[in-house]
Amino acid sequence: LVVVWFRGQKFESGALSATACNDVSGIDVVD
């Protein structure tokens, strides 16, 4: 998985939220 970008949204009282954009094109899952 390649993280394209990461953006922090909110941080208070020890809790943090963020949004990330991931490139998953290189991942394969095989049965």
PDB file of all heavy atoms in Angstrom:
ATOM      1  N   LEU A   1       0.861  -1.167   0.000  1.00  0.00           N
ATOM      2  CA  LEU A   1       0.000   0.000   0.000  1.00  0.00           C
ATOM      3  C   LEU A   1       0.907   1.228   0.000  1.00  0.00           C
ATOM      4  O   LEU A   1       1.899   1.259   0.721  1.00  0.00           O
ATOM      5  CB  LEU A   1      -0.880  -0.011   1.256  1.00  0.00           C
ATOM      6  CG  LEU A   1      -1.808   1.163   1.460  1.00  0.00           C
ATOM      7  CD1 LEU A   1      -3.106   0.690   2.087  1.00  0.00           C
ATOM      8  CD2 LEU A   1      -1.185   2.224   2.320  1.00  0.00           C
ATOM      9  N   VAL A   2       0.581   2.218  -0.809  1.00  0.00           N
ATOM     10  CA  VAL A   2       1.365   3.454  -0.861  1.00  0.00           C
ATOM     11  C   VAL A   2       0.486   4.597  -0.374  1.00  0.00           C
ATOM     12  O   VAL A   2      -0.598   4.830  -0.920  1.00  0.00           O
ATOM     13  CB  VAL A   2       1.861   3.742  -2.300  1.00  0.00           C
ATOM     14  CG1 VAL A   2       2.592   5.074  -2.364  1.00  0.00           C
ATOM     15  CG2 VAL A   2       2.738   2.604  -2.795  1.00  0.00           C
ATOM     16  N   VAL A   3       0.944   5.287   0.671  1.00  0.00           N
ATOM     17  CA  VAL A   3       0.212   6.448   1.177  1.00  0.00           C
ATOM     18  C   VAL A   3       0.555   7.629   0.268  1.00  0.00           C
ATOM     19  O   VAL A   3       1.703   8.064   0.207  1.00  0.00           O
ATOM     20  CB  VAL A   3       0.580   6.766   2.642  1.00  0.00           C
ATOM     21  CG1 VAL A   3      -0.185   7.998   3.121  1.00  0.00           C
ATOM     22  CG2 VAL A   3       0.303   5.566   3.543  1.00  0.00           C
ATOM     23  N   VAL A   4      -0.446   8.127  -0.453  1.00  0.00           N
ATOM     24  CA  VAL A   4      -0.252   9.232  -1.380  1.00  0.00           C
ATOM     25  C   VAL A   4      -0.217  10.554  -0.624  1.00  0.00           C
ATOM     26  O   VAL A   4       0.636  11.394  -0.854  1.00  0.00           O
ATOM     27  CB  VAL A   4      -1.360   9.238  -2.456  1.00  0.00           C
ATOM     28  CG1 VAL A   4      -1.224  10.428  -3.396  1.00  0.00           C
ATOM     29  CG2 VAL A   4      -1.342   7.938  -3.231  1.00  0.00           C
ATOM     30  N   TRP A   5      -1.179  10.742   0.276  1.00  0.00           N
ATOM     31  CA  TRP A   5      -1.171  11.911   1.158  1.00  0.00           C
ATOM     32  C   TRP A   5      -1.861  11.582   2.469  1.00  0.00           C
ATOM     33  O   TRP A   5      -2.635  10.636   2.567  1.00  0.00           O
ATOM     34  CB  TRP A   5      -1.758  13.166   0.514  1.00  0.00           C
ATOM     35  CG  TRP A   5      -3.115  13.105  -0.126  1.00  0.00           C
ATOM     36  CD1 TRP A   5      -3.367  13.066  -1.468  1.00  0.00           C
ATOM     37  CD2 TRP A   5      -4.408  13.119   0.509  1.00  0.00           C
ATOM     38  NE1 TRP A   5      -4.729  13.043  -1.699  1.00  0.00           N
ATOM     39  CE2 TRP A   5      -5.385  13.079  -0.495  1.00  0.00           C
ATOM     40  CE3 TRP A   5      -4.838  13.148   1.827  1.00  0.00           C
ATOM     41  CZ2 TRP A   5      -6.753  13.071  -0.233  1.00  0.00           C
ATOM     42  CZ3 TRP A   5      -6.198  13.142   2.104  1.00  0.00           C
ATOM     43  CH2 TRP A   5      -7.135  13.108   1.082  1.00  0.00           C
ATOM     44  N   PHE A   6      -1.532  12.371   3.482  1.00  0.00           N
ATOM     45  CA  PHE A   6      -2.066  12.222   4.833  1.00  0.00           C
ATOM     46  C   PHE A   6      -2.421  13.613   5.331  1.00  0.00           C
ATOM     47  O   PHE A   6      -1.596  14.528   5.231  1.00  0.00           O
ATOM     48  CB  PHE A   6      -1.000  11.588   5.745  1.00  0.00           C
ATOM     49  CG  PHE A   6      -1.441  11.402   7.174  1.00  0.00           C
ATOM     50  CD1 PHE A   6      -1.897  10.172   7.608  1.00  0.00           C
ATOM     51  CD2 PHE A   6      -1.384  12.451   8.087  1.00  0.00           C
ATOM     52  CE1 PHE A   6      -2.298   9.992   8.924  1.00  0.00           C
ATOM     53  CE2 PHE A   6      -1.783  12.276   9.404  1.00  0.00           C
ATOM     54  CZ  PHE A   6      -2.244  11.038   9.825  1.00  0.00           C
ATOM     55  N   ARG A   7      -3.624  13.780   5.850  1.00  0.00           N
ATOM     56  CA  ARG A   7      -4.046  15.092   6.357  1.00  0.00           C
ATOM     57  C   ARG A   7      -4.661  14.961   7.735  1.00  0.00           C
ATOM     58  O   ARG A   7      -5.687  14.293   7.909  1.00  0.00           O
ATOM     59  CB  ARG A   7      -5.065  15.717   5.408  1.00  0.00           C
ATOM     60  CG  ARG A   7      -4.453  16.018   4.066  1.00  0.00           C
ATOM     61  CD  ARG A   7      -5.240  17.057   3.309  1.00  0.00           C
ATOM     62  NE  ARG A   7      -4.547  17.323   2.060  1.00  0.00           N
ATOM     63  CZ  ARG A   7      -4.943  16.882   0.877  1.00  0.00           C
ATOM     64  NH1 ARG A   7      -6.041  16.175   0.777  1.00  0.00           N
ATOM     65  NH2 ARG A   7      -4.252  17.157  -0.204  1.00  0.00           N
ATOM     66  N   GLY A   8      -4.028  15.620   8.689  1.00  0.00           N
ATOM     67  CA  GLY A   8      -4.605  15.670  10.024  1.00  0.00           C
ATOM     68  C   GLY A   8      -5.867  16.507  10.005  1.00  0.00           C
ATOM     69  O   GLY A   8      -5.937  17.523   9.321  1.00  0.00           O
ATOM     70  N   GLN A   9      -6.873  16.081  10.743  1.00  0.00           N
ATOM     71  CA  GLN A   9      -8.148  16.793  10.789  1.00  0.00           C
ATOM     72  C   GLN A   9      -8.359  17.491  12.133  1.00  0.00           C
ATOM     73  O   GLN A   9      -8.675  18.666  12.179  1.00  0.00           O
ATOM     74  CB  GLN A   9      -9.312  15.824  10.541  1.00  0.00           C
ATOM     75  CG  GLN A   9      -9.212  15.073   9.235  1.00  0.00           C
ATOM     76  CD  GLN A   9      -9.370  15.963   8.027  1.00  0.00           C
ATOM     77  OE1 GLN A   9     -10.221  16.829   7.991  1.00  0.00           O
ATOM     78  NE2 GLN A   9      -8.515  15.767   7.040  1.00  0.00           N
ATOM     79  N   LYS A  10      -8.196  16.739  13.212  1.00  0.00           N
ATOM     80  CA  LYS A  10      -8.528  17.271  14.538  1.00  0.00           C
ATOM     81  C   LYS A  10      -7.680  16.564  15.589  1.00  0.00           C
ATOM     82  O   LYS A  10      -7.476  15.351  15.514  1.00  0.00           O
ATOM     83  CB  LYS A  10     -10.014  17.029  14.803  1.00  0.00           C
ATOM     84  CG  LYS A  10     -10.538  17.554  16.094  1.00  0.00           C
ATOM     85  CD  LYS A  10     -12.039  17.274  16.162  1.00  0.00           C
ATOM     86  CE  LYS A  10     -12.597  17.626  17.517  1.00  0.00           C
ATOM     87  NZ  LYS A  10     -14.014  17.262  17.624  1.00  0.00           N
ATOM     88  N   PHE A  11      -7.205  17.341  16.561  1.00  0.00           N
ATOM     89  CA  PHE A  11      -6.467  16.754  17.681  1.00  0.00           C
ATOM     90  C   PHE A  11      -6.837  17.478  18.956  1.00  0.00           C
ATOM     91  O   PHE A  11      -6.603  18.675  19.088  1.00  0.00           O
ATOM     92  CB  PHE A  11      -4.958  16.842  17.447  1.00  0.00           C
ATOM     93  CG  PHE A  11      -4.147  16.241  18.581  1.00  0.00           C
ATOM     94  CD1 PHE A  11      -4.343  14.930  18.961  1.00  0.00           C
ATOM     95  CD2 PHE A  11      -3.201  16.986  19.251  1.00  0.00           C
ATOM     96  CE1 PHE A  11      -3.604  14.355  19.986  1.00  0.00           C
ATOM     97  CE2 PHE A  11      -2.454  16.430  20.279  1.00  0.00           C
ATOM     98  CZ  PHE A  11      -2.657  15.117  20.640  1.00  0.00           C
ATOM     99  N   GLU A  12      -7.461  16.744  19.866  1.00  0.00           N
ATOM    100  CA  GLU A  12      -7.772  17.304  21.179  1.00  0.00           C
ATOM    101  C   GLU A  12      -8.007  16.182  22.173  1.00  0.00           C
ATOM    102  O   GLU A  12      -8.468  15.101  21.805  1.00  0.00           O
ATOM    103  CB  GLU A  12      -8.969  18.258  21.118  1.00  0.00           C
ATOM    104  CG  GLU A  12     -10.296  17.619  20.818  1.00  0.00           C
ATOM    105  CD  GLU A  12     -11.422  18.644  20.749  1.00  0.00           C
ATOM    106  OE1 GLU A  12     -11.245  19.665  20.072  1.00  0.00           O
ATOM    107  OE2 GLU A  12     -12.464  18.408  21.379  1.00  0.00           O
ATOM    108  N   SER A  13      -7.647  16.445  23.379  1.00  0.00           N
ATOM    109  CA  SER A  13      -7.844  15.494  24.474  1.00  0.00           C
ATOM    110  C   SER A  13      -7.263  14.115  24.179  1.00  0.00           C
ATOM    111  O   SER A  13      -7.858  13.104  24.528  1.00  0.00           O
ATOM    112  CB  SER A  13      -9.325  15.371  24.820  1.00  0.00           C
ATOM    113  OG  SER A  13      -9.845  16.616  25.168  1.00  0.00           O
ATOM    114  N   GLY A  14      -6.138  14.074  23.507  1.00  0.00           N
ATOM    115  CA  GLY A  14      -5.474  12.805  23.256  1.00  0.00           C
ATOM    116  C   GLY A  14      -6.069  11.975  22.133  1.00  0.00           C
ATOM    117  O   GLY A  14      -5.656  10.850  21.915  1.00  0.00           O
ATOM    118  N   ALA A  15      -7.039  12.527  21.412  1.00  0.00           N
ATOM    119  CA  ALA A  15      -7.628  11.815  20.272  1.00  0.00           C
ATOM    120  C   ALA A  15      -7.317  12.600  19.009  1.00  0.00           C
ATOM    121  O   ALA A  15      -7.377  13.824  19.001  1.00  0.00           O
ATOM    122  CB  ALA A  15      -9.129  11.674  20.453  1.00  0.00           C
ATOM    123  N   LEU A  16      -6.980  11.889  17.962  1.00  0.00           N
ATOM    124  CA  LEU A  16      -6.616  12.531  16.705  1.00  0.00           C
ATOM    125  C   LEU A  16      -7.364  11.857  15.569  1.00  0.00           C
ATOM    126  O   LEU A  16      -7.490  10.631  15.545  1.00  0.00           O
ATOM    127  CB  LEU A  16      -5.111  12.403  16.491  1.00  0.00           C
ATOM    128  CG  LEU A  16      -4.509  13.128  15.296  1.00  0.00           C
ATOM    129  CD1 LEU A  16      -3.123  13.615  15.627  1.00  0.00           C
ATOM    130  CD2 LEU A  16      -4.462  12.253  14.065  1.00  0.00           C
ATOM    131  N   SER A  17      -7.853  12.658  14.633  1.00  0.00           N
ATOM    132  CA  SER A  17      -8.477  12.102  13.433  1.00  0.00           C
ATOM    133  C   SER A  17      -7.749  12.651  12.214  1.00  0.00           C
ATOM    134  O   SER A  17      -7.214  13.760  12.245  1.00  0.00           O
ATOM    135  CB  SER A  17      -9.971  12.421  13.378  1.00  0.00           C
ATOM    136  OG  SER A  17     -10.176  13.814  13.361  1.00  0.00           O
ATOM    137  N   ALA A  18      -7.726  11.848  11.171  1.00  0.00           N
ATOM    138  CA  ALA A  18      -7.029  12.225   9.947  1.00  0.00           C
ATOM    139  C   ALA A  18      -7.682  11.519   8.768  1.00  0.00           C
ATOM    140  O   ALA A  18      -8.477  10.593   8.936  1.00  0.00           O
ATOM    141  CB  ALA A  18      -5.554  11.839  10.034  1.00  0.00           C
ATOM    142  N   THR A  19      -7.325  11.967   7.586  1.00  0.00           N
ATOM    143  CA  THR A  19      -7.737  11.319   6.348  1.00  0.00           C
ATOM    144  C   THR A  19      -6.473  11.017   5.562  1.00  0.00           C
ATOM    145  O   THR A  19      -5.543  11.815   5.550  1.00  0.00           O
ATOM    146  CB  THR A  19      -8.658  12.236   5.512  1.00  0.00           C
ATOM    147  OG1 THR A  19      -9.763  12.618   6.319  1.00  0.00           O
ATOM    148  CG2 THR A  19      -9.167  11.531   4.274  1.00  0.00           C
ATOM    149  N   ALA A  20      -6.449   9.856   4.917  1.00  0.00           N
ATOM    150  CA  ALA A  20      -5.310   9.490   4.088  1.00  0.00           C
ATOM    151  C   ALA A  20      -5.829   8.991   2.748  1.00  0.00           C
ATOM    152  O   ALA A  20      -6.933   8.459   2.648  1.00  0.00           O
ATOM    153  CB  ALA A  20      -4.469   8.409   4.757  1.00  0.00           C
ATOM    154  N   CYS A  21      -5.005   9.176   1.733  1.00  0.00           N
ATOM    155  CA  CYS A  21      -5.304   8.667   0.399  1.00  0.00           C
ATOM    156  C   CYS A  21      -4.262   7.594   0.101  1.00  0.00           C
ATOM    157  O   CYS A  21      -3.058   7.852   0.168  1.00  0.00           O
ATOM    158  CB  CYS A  21      -5.224   9.803  -0.620  1.00  0.00           C
ATOM    159  SG  CYS A  21      -5.532   9.270  -2.318  1.00  0.00           S
ATOM    160  N   ASN A  22      -4.754   6.393  -0.210  1.00  0.00           N
ATOM    161  CA  ASN A  22      -3.873   5.255  -0.431  1.00  0.00           C
ATOM    162  C   ASN A  22      -3.979   4.736  -1.858  1.00  0.00           C
ATOM    163  O   ASN A  22      -5.075   4.599  -2.390  1.00  0.00           O
ATOM    164  CB  ASN A  22      -4.242   4.110   0.525  1.00  0.00           C
ATOM    165  CG  ASN A  22      -4.136   4.513   1.964  1.00  0.00           C
ATOM    166  OD1 ASN A  22      -3.222   5.213   2.359  1.00  0.00           O
ATOM    167  ND2 ASN A  22      -5.083   4.066   2.767  1.00  0.00           N
ATOM    168  N   ASP A  23      -2.833   4.407  -2.421  1.00  0.00           N
ATOM    169  CA  ASP A  23      -2.777   3.730  -3.711  1.00  0.00           C
ATOM    170  C   ASP A  23      -2.645   2.241  -3.400  1.00  0.00           C
ATOM    171  O   ASP A  23      -1.641   1.794  -2.847  1.00  0.00           O
ATOM    172  CB  ASP A  23      -1.574   4.228  -4.507  1.00  0.00           C
ATOM    173  CG  ASP A  23      -1.444   3.569  -5.870  1.00  0.00           C
ATOM    174  OD1 ASP A  23      -2.101   2.536  -6.118  1.00  0.00           O
ATOM    175  OD2 ASP A  23      -0.650   4.080  -6.684  1.00  0.00           O
ATOM    176  N   VAL A  24      -3.683   1.479  -3.743  1.00  0.00           N
ATOM    177  CA  VAL A  24      -3.689   0.043  -3.468  1.00  0.00           C
ATOM    178  C   VAL A  24      -3.514  -0.780  -4.746  1.00  0.00           C
ATOM    179  O   VAL A  24      -3.697  -2.001  -4.741  1.00  0.00           O
ATOM    180  CB  VAL A  24      -4.990  -0.381  -2.733  1.00  0.00           C
ATOM    181  CG1 VAL A  24      -5.079   0.288  -1.372  1.00  0.00           C
ATOM    182  CG2 VAL A  24      -6.223  -0.083  -3.568  1.00  0.00           C
ATOM    183  N   SER A  25      -3.133  -0.116  -5.829  1.00  0.00           N
ATOM    184  CA  SER A  25      -3.023  -0.800  -7.121  1.00  0.00           C
ATOM    185  C   SER A  25      -1.982  -1.917  -7.122  1.00  0.00           C
ATOM    186  O   SER A  25      -2.088  -2.855  -7.907  1.00  0.00           O
ATOM    187  CB  SER A  25      -2.714   0.200  -8.238  1.00  0.00           C
ATOM    188  OG  SER A  25      -1.461   0.829  -8.020  1.00  0.00           O
ATOM    189  N   GLY A  26      -0.986  -1.850  -6.251  1.00  0.00           N
ATOM    190  CA  GLY A  26       0.053  -2.871  -6.216  1.00  0.00           C
ATOM    191  C   GLY A  26      -0.262  -4.036  -5.300  1.00  0.00           C
ATOM    192  O   GLY A  26       0.557  -4.943  -5.144  1.00  0.00           O
ATOM    193  N   ILE A  27      -1.437  -4.064  -4.698  1.00  0.00           N
ATOM    194  CA  ILE A  27      -1.795  -5.136  -3.763  1.00  0.00           C
ATOM    195  C   ILE A  27      -2.687  -6.159  -4.458  1.00  0.00           C
ATOM    196  O   ILE A  27      -3.646  -5.814  -5.139  1.00  0.00           O
ATOM    197  CB  ILE A  27      -2.529  -4.565  -2.534  1.00  0.00           C
ATOM    198  CG1 ILE A  27      -1.594  -3.640  -1.753  1.00  0.00           C
ATOM    199  CG2 ILE A  27      -3.045  -5.693  -1.636  1.00  0.00           C
ATOM    200  CD1 ILE A  27      -2.251  -2.939  -0.591  1.00  0.00           C
ATOM    201  N   ASP A  28      -2.345  -7.436  -4.259  1.00  0.00           N
ATOM    202  CA  ASP A  28      -3.182  -8.512  -4.759  1.00  0.00           C
ATOM    203  C   ASP A  28      -3.474  -9.464  -3.600  1.00  0.00           C
ATOM    204  O   ASP A  28      -2.627  -9.676  -2.732  1.00  0.00           O
ATOM    205  CB  ASP A  28      -2.493  -9.266  -5.903  1.00  0.00           C
ATOM    206  CG  ASP A  28      -3.466 -10.136  -6.697  1.00  0.00           C
ATOM    207  OD1 ASP A  28      -4.698  -9.959  -6.541  1.00  0.00           O
ATOM    208  OD2 ASP A  28      -2.989 -10.985  -7.475  1.00  0.00           O
ATOM    209  N   VAL A  29      -4.659 -10.002  -3.594  1.00  0.00           N
ATOM    210  CA  VAL A  29      -5.084 -10.998  -2.602  1.00  0.00           C
ATOM    211  C   VAL A  29      -5.550 -12.203  -3.398  1.00  0.00           C
ATOM    212  O   VAL A  29      -6.414 -12.087  -4.280  1.00  0.00           O
ATOM    213  CB  VAL A  29      -6.214 -10.448  -1.700  1.00  0.00           C
ATOM    214  CG1 VAL A  29      -6.637 -11.491  -0.679  1.00  0.00           C
ATOM    215  CG2 VAL A  29      -5.787  -9.158  -1.016  1.00  0.00           C
ATOM    216  N   VAL A  30      -4.963 -13.369  -3.091  1.00  0.00           N
ATOM    217  CA  VAL A  30      -5.186 -14.579  -3.884  1.00  0.00           C
ATOM    218  C   VAL A  30      -5.720 -15.682  -2.980  1.00  0.00           C
ATOM    219  O   VAL A  30      -5.236 -15.866  -1.856  1.00  0.00           O
ATOM    220  CB  VAL A  30      -3.857 -15.013  -4.552  1.00  0.00           C
ATOM    221  CG1 VAL A  30      -4.032 -16.282  -5.358  1.00  0.00           C
ATOM    222  CG2 VAL A  30      -3.316 -13.897  -5.428  1.00  0.00           C
ATOM    223  N   ASP A  31      -6.700 -16.434  -3.470  1.00  0.00           N
ATOM    224  CA  ASP A  31      -7.257 -17.536  -2.673  1.00  0.00           C
ATOM    225  C   ASP A  31      -6.352 -18.761  -2.733  1.00  0.00           C
ATOM    226  O   ASP A  31      -5.306 -18.752  -3.401  1.00  0.00           O
ATOM    227  CB  ASP A  31      -8.696 -17.854  -3.097  1.00  0.00           C
ATOM    228  CG  ASP A  31      -8.820 -18.491  -4.469  1.00  0.00           C
ATOM    229  OD1 ASP A  31      -7.804 -18.937  -5.051  1.00  0.00           O
ATOM    230  OD2 ASP A  31      -9.958 -18.546  -4.973  1.00  0.00           O
TER     231      ASP A  31
END
